[in-house]
């Protein structure tokens, strides 16, 4: 099994991207700088941040490096203040051994409370509702942290909340004496204190901001707003990992009424240099699978590093020479002595094109890893039950499930049942003497004919294999959440939101669809259809149908899948216009 988190080992030749970011940071003339690492969910943004950090740690120049996980603080603290405090606390720790520097760092950190105050002044929404969030409560606590006795009573908190409500209603400051508190002045002094402190350190500060994709739109933009305090200050670099489209669509959530141009300009003004995570192709996925396989197989750390270096070098030179072969990869460092590793590498080579090119996987490293974990889980279940199933068979079926969806998979298992484990359609697909166009495929399989053709040629061949145990195992696994296991949190949230849609048009859900990676659309549609199957009475149009139609209009496969399901239902008057609408979309 493989952990679903950022890797400190480069499995996908992301070192090239990390080195490019390092080059930008180490170019003194470019400082200060803000760099955006853009990519979809699961593309490898966090790994690139880790690799960049590791690369800078080996540089002759010493850096102060700060990692800020925006998602960790969501719901527990003000996003702006959380980022500022993370930076300030790092500087305080770094200055601990220098009395003079430590005093300045502590003085700088003390300014965060005033920034918190400005945050409270500007956050009127929650206060107006009269229900402070956890972050709001912590803001209030921060206001009084410098009191005479250091303690708060109920009246103190009530007074602060009442004051916050008043701010929201009247749009005035908590402190009426403008001479004692001026936001422009505080920001100016904050920036000066920071600049002076960095000058004393004489080391560049690098701040990595991660997991903005997982945050609510408001929190994501709040974090970026905090970064503006540091922009263009000496010796500072921000490396921000984000889904570019998600951030642009989040701008109106924070800046109400923002125009399309403002959405585009906002990120362009904040990010000086965008770096896009390269989408892995067949060769990169081949290398990725081999690295994951070698790691799982139990090779030593030295052997794993040898494999990594060989694959990385081969990828870098792929523009002028063939890829390193399996035998060449295993011939050194006694790696060839590992029984079974060669055959697993061969399977990885065969899987790579499907995983890289299938529209529902699209070479996404996180999806690939989760699929492999799914295979491992089923293999262990099969072993416990005494089923003689190898990983190749399970893997082939798992890929089918992911790429064609639940309805196509259910049809496959239905055929396996009806034909006692040996579906004729699979034998026809694997028979080189039968033309592909002449094979009578189930309607549910026509979502992606190119995939079916490639998948049928993937070993092992099923023609002479009794698939009854494999089908039984798969059907047992799917209800346990195996399909949802490869969905992102955003995709699962989209299923929930679409199931609640009661009207034909929803701007919120349309936005949610566009911010969800397209390779997740079929999984979302499968989730919707599974929910619909729980409905017993179809005389009235159920909630969620319009949500499914909204998604179907964005993707041909989803449209065909929804159509197939709806046509299987008893015909109702409300259903006819929806069927016509979907048939016109195809």
Protein backbone atom coordinates (compact mmCIF):
# COMPACT_ATOMS: atom_id res chain seq x y z
CA UNK A 1 0.00 0.00 0.00
CA UNK A 2 1.14 3.54 -0.67
CA UNK A 3 0.55 6.64 1.42
CA UNK A 4 -1.62 9.31 -0.20
CA UNK A 5 0.56 12.30 0.63
CA UNK A 6 3.29 14.41 -0.92
CA UNK A 7 6.50 12.55 -1.64
CA UNK A 8 10.03 13.63 -0.80
CA UNK A 9 11.31 11.18 -3.43
CA UNK A 10 10.87 12.12 -7.07
CA UNK A 11 8.88 9.40 -8.85
CA UNK A 12 7.77 11.50 -11.83
CA UNK A 13 10.79 13.54 -12.88
CA UNK A 14 9.35 16.55 -11.05
CA UNK A 15 12.89 17.43 -10.00
CA UNK A 16 13.20 19.34 -13.27
CA UNK A 17 10.30 21.58 -12.26
CA UNK A 18 11.64 21.92 -8.71
CA UNK A 19 15.08 22.87 -10.05
CA UNK A 20 13.49 25.52 -12.26
CA UNK A 21 11.77 27.04 -9.22
CA UNK A 22 15.05 26.89 -7.29
CA UNK A 23 16.79 28.74 -10.14
CA UNK A 24 14.23 31.54 -9.86
CA UNK A 25 14.63 31.80 -6.09
CA UNK A 26 18.43 31.78 -6.14
CA UNK A 27 18.58 34.52 -8.78
CA UNK A 28 19.16 37.47 -6.42
CA UNK A 29 18.12 40.02 -9.01
CA UNK A 30 14.62 38.47 -9.09
CA UNK A 31 14.01 38.85 -5.36
CA UNK A 32 11.42 39.53 -4.03
CA UNK A 33 9.39 37.06 -6.06
CA UNK A 34 6.06 35.22 -6.02
CA UNK A 35 5.83 31.92 -7.89
CA UNK A 36 2.62 30.01 -8.60
CA UNK A 37 2.75 26.22 -8.92
CA UNK A 38 -0.45 25.48 -10.82
CA UNK A 39 -2.10 22.12 -11.40
CA UNK A 40 -5.28 20.10 -10.86
CA UNK A 41 -6.12 18.09 -7.75
CA UNK A 42 -3.61 15.27 -7.34
CA UNK A 43 -1.28 16.55 -10.05
CA UNK A 44 1.76 16.69 -7.75
CA UNK A 45 1.92 20.30 -6.57
CA UNK A 46 2.73 19.39 -2.95
CA UNK A 47 5.49 17.04 -4.06
CA UNK A 48 7.06 19.81 -6.14
CA UNK A 49 7.07 22.08 -3.07
CA UNK A 50 8.81 19.36 -1.04
CA UNK A 51 11.40 18.77 -3.77
CA UNK A 52 12.08 22.51 -4.08
CA UNK A 53 12.56 22.79 -0.33
CA UNK A 54 14.95 19.82 -0.29
CA UNK A 55 16.92 21.25 -3.20
CA UNK A 56 17.38 24.61 -1.46
CA UNK A 57 18.59 22.87 1.70
CA UNK A 58 21.63 21.64 -0.25
CA UNK A 59 22.46 25.10 -1.58
CA UNK A 60 25.48 27.03 -0.28
CA UNK A 61 23.23 29.96 0.61
CA UNK A 62 21.28 29.39 3.83
CA UNK A 63 17.53 29.98 3.62
CA UNK A 64 14.75 30.37 6.15
CA UNK A 65 12.03 28.07 4.81
CA UNK A 66 8.44 28.14 6.04
CA UNK A 67 5.72 25.66 5.06
CA UNK A 68 2.12 26.84 5.49
CA UNK A 69 -0.73 24.36 5.02
CA UNK A 70 -3.75 26.60 4.49
CA UNK A 71 -6.26 23.77 4.93
CA UNK A 72 -5.00 22.94 8.43
CA UNK A 73 -6.20 26.27 9.79
CA UNK A 74 -9.56 26.42 8.00
CA UNK A 75 -12.35 26.83 10.53
CA UNK A 76 -9.96 27.27 13.44
CA UNK A 77 -8.31 30.60 12.78
CA UNK A 78 -8.37 33.66 10.59
CA UNK A 79 -6.53 32.71 7.41
CA UNK A 80 -4.57 35.96 7.25
CA UNK A 81 -3.44 35.87 10.87
CA UNK A 82 -2.61 32.15 10.69
CA UNK A 83 -0.17 32.73 7.83
CA UNK A 84 1.39 35.75 9.54
CA UNK A 85 1.82 33.87 12.82
CA UNK A 86 3.36 30.88 11.07
CA UNK A 87 5.96 33.15 9.48
CA UNK A 88 6.53 35.13 12.69
CA UNK A 89 6.92 32.03 14.89
CA UNK A 90 9.51 30.62 12.47
CA UNK A 91 11.50 33.85 12.62
CA UNK A 92 11.34 33.88 16.43
CA UNK A 93 12.71 30.33 16.57
CA UNK A 94 15.48 31.11 14.09
CA UNK A 95 16.51 34.15 16.15
CA UNK A 96 16.52 32.36 19.51
CA UNK A 97 20.33 32.20 19.80
CA UNK A 98 20.85 35.92 19.12
CA UNK A 99 19.57 38.14 21.96
CA UNK A 100 19.34 41.33 19.88
CA UNK A 101 17.78 39.58 16.88
CA UNK A 102 15.42 37.64 19.13
CA UNK A 103 14.06 40.86 20.65
CA UNK A 104 13.33 42.26 17.19
CA UNK A 105 11.67 39.02 16.09
CA UNK A 106 9.45 39.00 19.17
CA UNK A 107 8.56 42.66 18.60
CA UNK A 108 7.61 41.83 15.00
CA UNK A 109 5.51 38.86 16.13
CA UNK A 110 3.68 41.14 18.56
CA UNK A 111 2.35 43.15 15.65
CA UNK A 112 0.22 40.19 14.57
CA UNK A 113 -2.45 41.10 17.16
CA UNK A 114 -2.96 44.44 15.44
CA UNK A 115 -3.29 42.68 12.11
CA UNK A 116 -5.85 40.41 13.77
CA UNK A 117 -7.73 43.52 14.86
CA UNK A 118 -7.85 44.76 11.29
CA UNK A 119 -9.11 41.32 10.24
CA UNK A 120 -11.92 41.58 12.77
CA UNK A 121 -12.74 45.06 11.54
CA UNK A 122 -13.12 43.74 8.01
CA UNK A 123 -14.98 40.48 8.78
CA UNK A 124 -18.51 41.71 9.36
CA UNK A 125 -20.45 38.73 8.04
CA UNK A 126 -20.13 36.30 10.94
CA UNK A 127 -20.40 39.04 13.53
CA UNK A 128 -23.56 40.39 11.96
CA UNK A 129 -25.09 36.92 12.24
CA UNK A 130 -24.23 36.98 15.94
CA UNK A 131 -22.52 33.57 15.83
CA UNK A 132 -18.73 33.92 15.88
CA UNK A 133 -16.77 31.09 14.25
CA UNK A 134 -13.82 29.42 15.96
CA UNK A 135 -11.58 31.74 13.97
CA UNK A 136 -13.63 34.73 15.10
CA UNK A 137 -13.38 33.70 18.73
CA UNK A 138 -9.63 33.39 18.43
CA UNK A 139 -9.50 36.86 16.89
CA UNK A 140 -11.36 38.20 19.90
CA UNK A 141 -8.98 36.39 22.24
CA UNK A 142 -6.11 38.01 20.39
CA UNK A 143 -7.53 41.47 21.01
CA UNK A 144 -7.30 41.02 24.75
CA UNK A 145 -4.09 39.04 24.94
CA UNK A 146 -2.20 42.16 25.91
CA UNK A 147 -4.53 43.08 28.82
CA UNK A 148 -3.34 44.01 32.30
CA UNK A 149 -4.22 40.71 33.94
CA UNK A 150 -4.06 38.48 30.86
CA UNK A 151 -7.47 36.96 31.65
CA UNK A 152 -10.88 37.30 30.07
CA UNK A 153 -14.30 37.04 31.64
CA UNK A 154 -17.70 36.56 30.00
CA UNK A 155 -18.34 40.29 29.87
CA UNK A 156 -15.04 40.86 28.03
CA UNK A 157 -15.96 38.37 25.30
CA UNK A 158 -19.54 39.61 25.08
CA UNK A 159 -18.31 43.15 24.73
CA UNK A 160 -15.92 42.19 21.95
CA UNK A 161 -18.62 40.30 20.03
CA UNK A 162 -21.05 43.19 20.45
CA UNK A 163 -18.37 45.51 19.18
CA UNK A 164 -17.80 43.28 16.16
CA UNK A 165 -21.53 43.32 15.42
CA UNK A 166 -21.48 47.08 15.56
CA UNK A 167 -18.62 47.11 13.06
CA UNK A 168 -20.56 44.97 10.65
CA UNK A 169 -23.65 47.15 10.92
CA UNK A 170 -22.07 50.57 10.87
CA UNK A 171 -18.93 49.86 8.84
CA UNK A 172 -16.87 51.82 11.37
CA UNK A 173 -13.70 50.94 13.27
CA UNK A 174 -13.67 49.30 16.67
CA UNK A 175 -11.30 52.01 17.84
CA UNK A 176 -12.68 55.50 17.31
CA UNK A 177 -9.45 57.29 18.08
CA UNK A 178 -7.90 57.24 14.63
CA UNK A 179 -4.68 58.66 16.00
CA UNK A 180 -4.18 55.61 18.19
CA UNK A 181 -4.99 53.10 15.48
CA UNK A 182 -4.66 53.60 11.76
CA UNK A 183 -4.73 50.53 9.46
CA UNK A 184 -2.57 52.16 6.76
CA UNK A 185 -0.04 53.16 9.39
CA UNK A 186 -0.07 49.70 10.98
CA UNK A 187 0.48 48.00 7.62
CA UNK A 188 3.33 50.37 6.80
CA UNK A 189 4.98 49.75 10.17
CA UNK A 190 4.42 46.01 9.86
CA UNK A 191 6.18 45.92 6.50
CA UNK A 192 9.04 48.08 7.79
CA UNK A 193 9.52 45.89 10.87
CA UNK A 194 9.59 42.82 8.65
CA UNK A 195 12.07 44.36 6.20
CA UNK A 196 14.39 45.44 9.02
CA UNK A 197 14.22 41.98 10.59
CA UNK A 198 15.05 40.20 7.32
CA UNK A 199 17.95 42.57 6.82
CA UNK A 200 19.29 41.55 10.24
CA UNK A 201 18.91 37.85 9.41
CA UNK A 202 20.74 38.36 6.10
CA UNK A 203 19.03 35.22 4.78
CA UNK A 204 16.24 34.93 2.21
CA UNK A 205 12.85 33.83 3.53
CA UNK A 206 11.00 31.27 1.39
CA UNK A 207 7.33 30.65 2.21
CA UNK A 208 5.56 27.63 0.69
CA UNK A 209 1.76 27.90 0.69
CA UNK A 210 0.00 24.59 0.08
CA UNK A 211 -3.48 23.06 -0.05
CA UNK A 212 -5.36 26.18 -1.10
CA UNK A 213 -7.43 23.85 -3.33
CA UNK A 214 -8.93 22.20 -0.25
CA UNK A 215 -9.97 25.48 1.36
CA UNK A 216 -13.28 27.24 0.98
CA UNK A 217 -13.16 30.00 -1.66
CA UNK A 218 -13.25 32.67 1.07
CA UNK A 219 -10.36 31.16 3.03
CA UNK A 220 -8.29 30.58 -0.10
CA UNK A 221 -8.51 34.24 -1.09
CA UNK A 222 -8.02 35.37 2.53
CA UNK A 223 -4.70 33.56 2.56
CA UNK A 224 -3.67 35.21 -0.69
CA UNK A 225 -4.71 38.58 0.72
CA UNK A 226 -2.29 38.05 3.62
CA UNK A 227 0.52 37.34 1.17
CA UNK A 228 0.02 40.83 -0.27
CA UNK A 229 1.44 42.26 2.97
CA UNK A 230 4.81 40.75 2.06
CA UNK A 231 4.83 41.36 -1.67
CA UNK A 232 7.83 43.27 -2.97
CA UNK A 233 9.57 43.25 0.41
CA UNK A 234 13.31 42.46 0.25
CA UNK A 235 14.72 38.95 0.32
CA UNK A 236 11.33 37.20 0.28
CA UNK A 237 9.92 34.52 -2.01
CA UNK A 238 6.46 32.97 -1.95
CA UNK A 239 5.86 29.64 -3.69
CA UNK A 240 2.10 29.11 -3.89
CA UNK A 241 0.56 25.79 -4.94
CA UNK A 242 -2.98 26.14 -6.27
CA UNK A 243 -5.53 25.10 -8.85
CA UNK A 244 -5.49 28.17 -11.06
CA UNK A 245 -9.11 27.85 -12.20
CA UNK A 246 -10.34 27.28 -8.65
CA UNK A 247 -8.64 30.46 -7.42
CA UNK A 248 -10.01 32.57 -10.26
CA UNK A 249 -13.54 31.33 -9.58
CA UNK A 250 -13.10 31.94 -5.84
CA UNK A 251 -12.40 35.66 -6.30
CA UNK A 252 -16.12 36.66 -6.55
CA UNK A 253 -16.79 34.77 -3.29
CA UNK A 254 -14.42 37.16 -1.52
CA UNK A 255 -14.73 40.28 -3.64
CA UNK A 256 -18.45 40.44 -4.29
CA UNK A 257 -19.40 41.55 -7.77
CA UNK A 258 -15.91 41.01 -9.20
CA UNK A 259 -15.91 41.13 -12.99
CA UNK A 260 -14.44 38.44 -15.24
CA UNK A 261 -11.46 40.68 -15.89
CA UNK A 262 -10.92 41.21 -12.16
CA UNK A 263 -10.92 37.42 -11.62
CA UNK A 264 -8.17 37.06 -14.20
CA UNK A 265 -6.19 40.11 -13.13
CA UNK A 266 -6.26 39.19 -9.43
CA UNK A 267 -4.07 36.13 -9.79
CA UNK A 268 -1.90 37.69 -12.48
CA UNK A 269 -1.07 40.61 -10.17
CA UNK A 270 -0.33 38.34 -7.22
CA UNK A 271 1.73 35.71 -9.05
CA UNK A 272 4.73 37.05 -10.91
CA UNK A 273 5.87 33.77 -12.44
CA UNK A 274 3.44 30.87 -13.04
CA UNK A 275 4.87 27.35 -13.19
CA UNK A 276 2.48 24.68 -14.46
CA UNK A 277 2.86 21.11 -13.20
CA UNK A 278 3.55 19.02 -16.30
CA UNK A 279 0.90 16.38 -16.96
CA UNK A 280 2.59 12.97 -16.90
CA UNK A 281 2.65 11.19 -20.23
CA UNK A 282 3.06 7.48 -20.93
CA UNK A 283 6.80 7.50 -20.18
CA UNK A 284 6.36 9.36 -16.89
CA UNK A 285 3.54 7.05 -15.75
CA UNK A 286 5.70 4.06 -16.73
CA UNK A 287 8.48 5.37 -14.49
CA UNK A 288 5.98 6.20 -11.73
CA UNK A 289 4.52 2.68 -11.75
CA UNK A 290 7.98 1.12 -11.72
CA UNK A 291 9.04 3.23 -8.74
CA UNK A 292 5.87 2.40 -6.81
CA UNK A 293 6.28 -1.28 -7.69
CA UNK A 294 9.93 -1.38 -6.61
CA UNK A 295 9.08 0.39 -3.36
CA UNK A 296 6.29 -2.06 -2.61
CA UNK A 297 8.45 -5.03 -3.62
CA UNK A 298 10.88 -4.29 -0.82
CA UNK A 299 14.10 -3.28 -2.57
CA UNK A 300 16.65 -1.51 -0.39
CA UNK A 301 16.80 2.29 -0.20
CA UNK A 302 20.04 2.23 -2.19
CA UNK A 303 18.47 0.07 -4.90
CA UNK A 304 15.37 2.26 -5.04
CA UNK A 305 17.56 5.34 -5.47
CA UNK A 306 19.51 3.57 -8.22
CA UNK A 307 16.26 2.79 -10.06
CA UNK A 308 15.06 6.36 -9.58
CA UNK A 309 18.27 7.87 -10.94
CA UNK A 310 18.25 5.56 -13.96
CA UNK A 311 14.60 6.34 -14.77
CA UNK A 312 15.10 10.08 -14.23
CA UNK A 313 18.11 10.15 -16.53
CA UNK A 314 16.21 8.17 -19.15
CA UNK A 315 13.26 10.58 -19.01
CA UNK A 316 15.51 13.61 -19.35
CA UNK A 317 17.11 12.13 -22.45
CA UNK A 318 13.89 10.75 -23.95
CA UNK A 319 13.96 13.48 -26.59
CA UNK A 320 16.96 11.86 -28.27
CA UNK A 321 17.13 8.20 -27.25
CA UNK A 322 14.85 5.25 -26.43
CA UNK A 323 13.70 4.65 -22.89
CA UNK A 324 15.75 2.42 -20.65
CA UNK A 325 14.54 -1.19 -20.88
CA UNK A 326 13.43 -3.33 -17.96
CA UNK A 327 16.52 -5.52 -18.24
CA UNK A 328 18.84 -2.50 -18.34
CA UNK A 329 17.08 -1.12 -15.28
CA UNK A 330 17.59 -4.31 -13.28
CA UNK A 331 21.07 -5.33 -14.37
CA UNK A 332 23.00 -3.28 -11.78
CA UNK A 333 23.14 -3.24 -7.98
CA UNK A 334 21.90 -6.85 -7.66
CA UNK A 335 18.37 -5.66 -8.38
CA UNK A 336 17.85 -8.51 -10.85
CA UNK A 337 18.08 -10.94 -7.93
CA UNK A 338 14.69 -9.78 -6.65
CA UNK A 339 12.40 -12.58 -7.78
CA UNK A 340 9.27 -11.40 -9.57
CA UNK A 341 10.27 -7.76 -9.93
CA UNK A 342 10.98 -8.07 -13.63
CA UNK A 343 7.51 -9.43 -14.42
CA UNK A 344 5.94 -6.63 -12.35
CA UNK A 345 7.92 -4.04 -14.30
CA UNK A 346 6.67 -5.56 -17.56
CA UNK A 347 3.08 -5.23 -16.31
CA UNK A 348 3.79 -1.60 -15.40
CA UNK A 349 4.91 -0.97 -18.98
CA UNK A 350 1.68 -2.47 -20.28
CA UNK A 351 -0.51 -0.47 -17.89
CA UNK A 352 1.16 2.89 -18.50
CA UNK A 353 -0.59 3.84 -21.80
CA UNK A 354 -4.07 3.19 -20.39
CA UNK A 355 -3.43 5.05 -17.16
CA UNK A 356 -1.81 7.99 -18.94
CA UNK A 357 -4.30 8.37 -21.78
CA UNK A 358 -7.69 7.33 -20.36
CA UNK A 359 -9.81 10.44 -19.88
CA UNK A 360 -11.01 9.30 -16.44
CA UNK A 361 -7.45 8.88 -15.14
CA UNK A 362 -5.48 11.20 -17.40
CA UNK A 363 -2.14 10.39 -15.81
CA UNK A 364 -3.18 11.91 -12.47
CA UNK A 365 -0.62 10.56 -9.95
CA UNK A 366 -3.04 10.56 -7.02
CA UNK A 367 -5.71 8.66 -8.95
CA UNK A 368 -3.11 6.15 -10.15
CA UNK A 369 -1.87 5.57 -6.60
CA UNK A 370 -5.38 5.17 -5.24
CA UNK A 371 -6.23 2.66 -7.95
CA UNK A 372 -3.17 0.61 -7.03
CA UNK A 373 -4.15 0.74 -3.36
CA UNK A 374 -7.59 -0.48 -4.36
CA UNK A 375 -5.97 -3.44 -6.13
CA UNK A 376 -3.91 -4.22 -3.02
CA UNK A 377 -7.01 -4.14 -0.82
CA UNK A 378 -8.88 -6.55 -3.08
CA UNK A 379 -5.88 -8.85 -3.35
CA UNK A 380 -5.72 -9.13 0.44
CA UNK A 381 -9.46 -9.81 0.61
CA UNK A 382 -9.11 -12.51 -2.06
CA UNK A 383 -6.26 -14.12 -0.14
CA UNK A 384 -8.30 -14.22 3.07
CA UNK A 385 -11.15 -15.92 1.22
CA UNK A 386 -8.94 -18.43 -0.54
CA UNK A 387 -9.62 -17.00 -4.01
CA UNK A 388 -6.93 -17.77 -6.55
CA UNK A 389 -6.78 -14.30 -8.09
CA UNK A 390 -3.59 -12.55 -9.14
CA UNK A 391 -3.01 -8.80 -9.10
CA UNK A 392 -3.00 -8.59 -12.90
CA UNK A 393 -6.60 -9.80 -13.11
CA UNK A 394 -7.77 -7.51 -10.32
CA UNK A 395 -5.90 -4.54 -11.82
CA UNK A 396 -7.49 -5.03 -15.23
CA UNK A 397 -10.98 -5.04 -13.72
CA UNK A 398 -10.28 -2.03 -11.47
CA UNK A 399 -9.15 -0.02 -14.50
CA UNK A 400 -12.35 -1.00 -16.33
CA UNK A 401 -14.45 0.18 -13.37
CA UNK A 402 -12.66 3.52 -13.14
CA UNK A 403 -12.67 4.32 -16.84
CA UNK A 404 -16.16 3.19 -17.87
CA UNK A 405 -18.12 3.69 -14.67
CA UNK A 406 -20.59 1.75 -12.59
CA UNK A 407 -23.21 0.93 -15.23
CA UNK A 408 -20.69 -0.49 -17.68
CA UNK A 409 -19.08 -2.46 -14.84
CA UNK A 410 -22.42 -3.85 -13.68
CA UNK A 411 -23.12 -4.95 -17.24
CA UNK A 412 -19.78 -6.77 -17.35
CA UNK A 413 -20.56 -8.64 -14.14
CA UNK A 414 -24.07 -9.39 -15.38
CA UNK A 415 -22.58 -11.03 -18.48
CA UNK A 416 -20.13 -12.98 -16.33
CA UNK A 417 -23.07 -14.33 -14.31
CA UNK A 418 -25.20 -15.19 -17.33
CA UNK A 419 -22.39 -16.93 -19.19
CA UNK A 420 -20.94 -18.83 -16.23
CA UNK A 421 -17.77 -16.78 -15.96
CA UNK A 422 -16.84 -16.75 -19.67
CA UNK A 423 -18.50 -13.80 -21.46
CA UNK A 424 -18.45 -14.27 -25.23
CA UNK A 425 -17.94 -10.55 -25.83
CA UNK A 426 -14.56 -10.70 -24.06
CA UNK A 427 -13.50 -13.68 -26.15
CA UNK A 428 -14.47 -11.77 -29.31
CA UNK A 429 -12.51 -8.72 -28.20
CA UNK A 430 -9.41 -10.81 -27.56
CA UNK A 431 -9.71 -12.74 -30.82
CA UNK A 432 -7.42 -11.12 -33.39
CA UNK A 433 -9.43 -12.70 -36.22
CA UNK A 434 -12.60 -10.83 -35.26
CA UNK A 435 -12.87 -7.23 -36.45
CA UNK A 436 -13.54 -4.79 -33.63
CA UNK A 437 -16.36 -3.06 -35.52
CA UNK A 438 -18.17 -6.38 -35.93
CA UNK A 439 -18.34 -7.12 -32.20
CA UNK A 440 -21.74 -6.54 -30.59
CA UNK A 441 -20.89 -4.49 -27.52
CA UNK A 442 -23.34 -3.65 -24.72
CA UNK A 443 -24.71 -0.12 -24.95
CA UNK A 444 -23.11 0.71 -21.61
CA UNK A 445 -19.67 -0.04 -23.07
CA UNK A 446 -19.94 2.40 -25.95
CA UNK A 447 -18.88 5.34 -23.80
CA UNK A 448 -15.29 4.93 -24.96
CA UNK A 449 -14.66 2.47 -27.78
CA UNK A 450 -10.96 3.32 -28.01
CA UNK A 451 -10.53 2.40 -24.36
CA UNK A 452 -12.40 -0.91 -24.78
CA UNK A 453 -10.12 -1.83 -27.69
CA UNK A 454 -6.92 -1.07 -25.74
CA UNK A 455 -8.20 -2.58 -22.49
CA UNK A 456 -9.09 -5.89 -24.14
CA UNK A 457 -5.47 -6.29 -25.27
CA UNK A 458 -4.12 -5.74 -21.77
CA UNK A 459 -2.90 -8.97 -20.12
CA UNK A 460 -4.09 -11.25 -18.73
CA UNK A 461 -6.43 -12.53 -21.41
CA UNK A 462 -9.89 -13.43 -20.07
CA UNK A 463 -10.99 -15.79 -22.85
CA UNK A 464 -10.17 -19.00 -20.97
CA UNK A 465 -10.41 -17.61 -17.44
CA UNK A 466 -13.39 -18.13 -15.15
CA UNK A 467 -14.11 -14.59 -14.00
CA UNK A 468 -16.78 -15.56 -11.45
CA UNK A 469 -14.50 -15.11 -8.39
CA UNK A 470 -13.15 -11.78 -9.70
CA UNK A 471 -16.65 -10.47 -10.40
CA UNK A 472 -17.85 -11.58 -6.96
CA UNK A 473 -14.90 -9.86 -5.28
CA UNK A 474 -15.40 -6.65 -7.26
CA UNK A 475 -19.11 -6.43 -6.52
CA UNK A 476 -18.38 -6.97 -2.84
CA UNK A 477 -15.77 -4.20 -2.86
CA UNK A 478 -17.63 -1.47 -4.73
CA UNK A 479 -20.34 -0.86 -2.09
CA UNK A 480 -17.61 -0.62 0.56
CA UNK A 481 -16.53 2.70 -0.93
CA UNK A 482 -13.86 1.45 -3.33
CA UNK A 483 -15.07 3.73 -6.10
CA UNK A 484 -15.36 6.79 -3.84
CA UNK A 485 -11.85 6.03 -2.57
CA UNK A 486 -10.43 7.38 -5.82
CA UNK A 487 -12.56 10.53 -5.79
CA UNK A 488 -11.24 13.80 -4.47
CA UNK A 489 -13.01 15.58 -1.64
CA UNK A 490 -14.21 18.16 -4.16
CA UNK A 491 -15.78 15.43 -6.32
CA UNK A 492 -17.56 13.86 -3.35
CA UNK A 493 -18.82 17.30 -2.33
CA UNK A 494 -20.06 17.82 -5.90
CA UNK A 495 -22.13 14.62 -5.67
CA UNK A 496 -23.74 15.94 -2.49
CA UNK A 497 -24.45 19.37 -3.99
CA UNK A 498 -25.89 18.04 -7.26
CA UNK A 499 -28.14 15.64 -5.33
CA UNK A 500 -29.65 18.67 -3.56
CA UNK A 501 -30.37 20.65 -6.75
CA UNK A 502 -34.10 21.25 -7.21
CA UNK A 503 -34.08 23.77 -10.06
CA UNK A 504 -33.03 23.43 -13.67
CA UNK A 505 -30.28 26.07 -13.49
CA UNK A 506 -27.77 26.51 -10.66
CA UNK A 507 -24.90 28.95 -11.00
CA UNK A 508 -23.25 27.61 -7.84
CA UNK A 509 -23.27 24.01 -9.09
CA UNK A 510 -22.18 25.07 -12.58
CA UNK A 511 -19.15 26.71 -10.98
CA UNK A 512 -18.51 23.63 -8.83
CA UNK A 513 -18.53 21.43 -11.95
CA UNK A 514 -16.05 23.63 -13.79
CA UNK A 515 -13.66 23.58 -10.80
CA UNK A 516 -13.76 19.77 -10.56
CA UNK A 517 -11.15 17.93 -12.70
CA UNK A 518 -12.79 16.46 -15.81
CA UNK A 519 -11.31 13.03 -15.10
CA UNK A 520 -13.58 12.93 -12.04
CA UNK A 521 -16.84 13.57 -13.93
CA UNK A 522 -17.68 9.90 -14.52
CA UNK A 523 -17.09 9.03 -10.87
CA UNK A 524 -19.41 11.87 -9.87
CA UNK A 525 -22.09 10.66 -12.30
CA UNK A 526 -21.71 7.13 -10.95
CA UNK A 527 -22.23 8.48 -7.46
CA UNK A 528 -25.40 10.28 -8.56
CA UNK A 529 -26.80 7.20 -10.28
CA UNK A 530 -26.06 5.03 -7.25
CA UNK A 531 -28.11 7.48 -5.18
CA UNK A 532 -30.94 7.39 -7.73
CA UNK A 533 -31.04 3.59 -7.55
CA UNK A 534 -32.18 3.88 -3.94
CA UNK A 535 -35.38 5.63 -5.08
CA UNK A 536 -38.43 3.37 -5.12
CA UNK A 537 -41.12 5.72 -6.48
CA UNK A 538 -40.43 7.54 -9.76
CA UNK A 539 -43.89 9.01 -10.32
CA UNK A 540 -42.53 12.39 -9.24
CA UNK A 541 -39.27 13.93 -10.40
CA UNK A 542 -36.76 13.37 -7.59
CA UNK A 543 -34.43 16.02 -6.21
CA UNK A 544 -31.03 15.78 -7.87
CA UNK A 545 -32.14 14.93 -11.41
CA UNK A 546 -31.49 18.47 -12.61
CA UNK A 547 -28.07 18.29 -10.98
CA UNK A 548 -27.27 15.14 -12.96
CA UNK A 549 -28.51 16.78 -16.17
CA UNK A 550 -26.29 19.80 -15.47
CA UNK A 551 -23.24 17.52 -15.27
CA UNK A 552 -24.33 15.47 -18.30
CA UNK A 553 -24.30 18.59 -20.44
CA UNK A 554 -20.60 19.05 -19.67
CA UNK A 555 -19.42 15.58 -20.68
CA UNK A 556 -20.52 13.16 -23.42
CA UNK A 557 -19.72 10.05 -21.37
CA UNK A 558 -21.73 11.33 -18.44
CA UNK A 559 -24.58 12.17 -20.79
CA UNK A 560 -24.66 8.66 -22.27
CA UNK A 561 -24.40 7.08 -18.84
CA UNK A 562 -27.30 9.13 -17.46
CA UNK A 563 -29.38 8.49 -20.58
CA UNK A 564 -28.85 4.73 -20.29
CA UNK A 565 -29.99 4.79 -16.68
CA UNK A 566 -33.03 7.02 -17.24
CA UNK A 567 -34.20 4.89 -20.18
CA UNK A 568 -34.26 1.87 -17.88
CA UNK A 569 -36.86 3.56 -15.65
CA UNK A 570 -40.64 3.30 -16.03
CA UNK A 571 -41.61 6.08 -18.43
CA UNK A 572 -43.08 9.11 -16.64
CA UNK A 573 -44.41 12.37 -18.07
CA UNK A 574 -41.79 14.48 -16.31
CA UNK A 575 -39.05 12.27 -17.75
CA UNK A 576 -39.83 12.75 -21.46
CA UNK A 577 -38.52 16.34 -21.84
CA UNK A 578 -35.35 15.43 -19.93
CA UNK A 579 -34.68 12.49 -22.26
CA UNK A 580 -35.19 14.71 -25.30
CA UNK A 581 -32.87 17.33 -23.82
CA UNK A 582 -30.13 14.77 -23.18
CA UNK A 583 -30.51 13.12 -26.59
CA UNK A 584 -30.03 16.52 -28.16
CA UNK A 585 -26.86 17.01 -26.10
CA UNK A 586 -25.13 13.82 -27.24
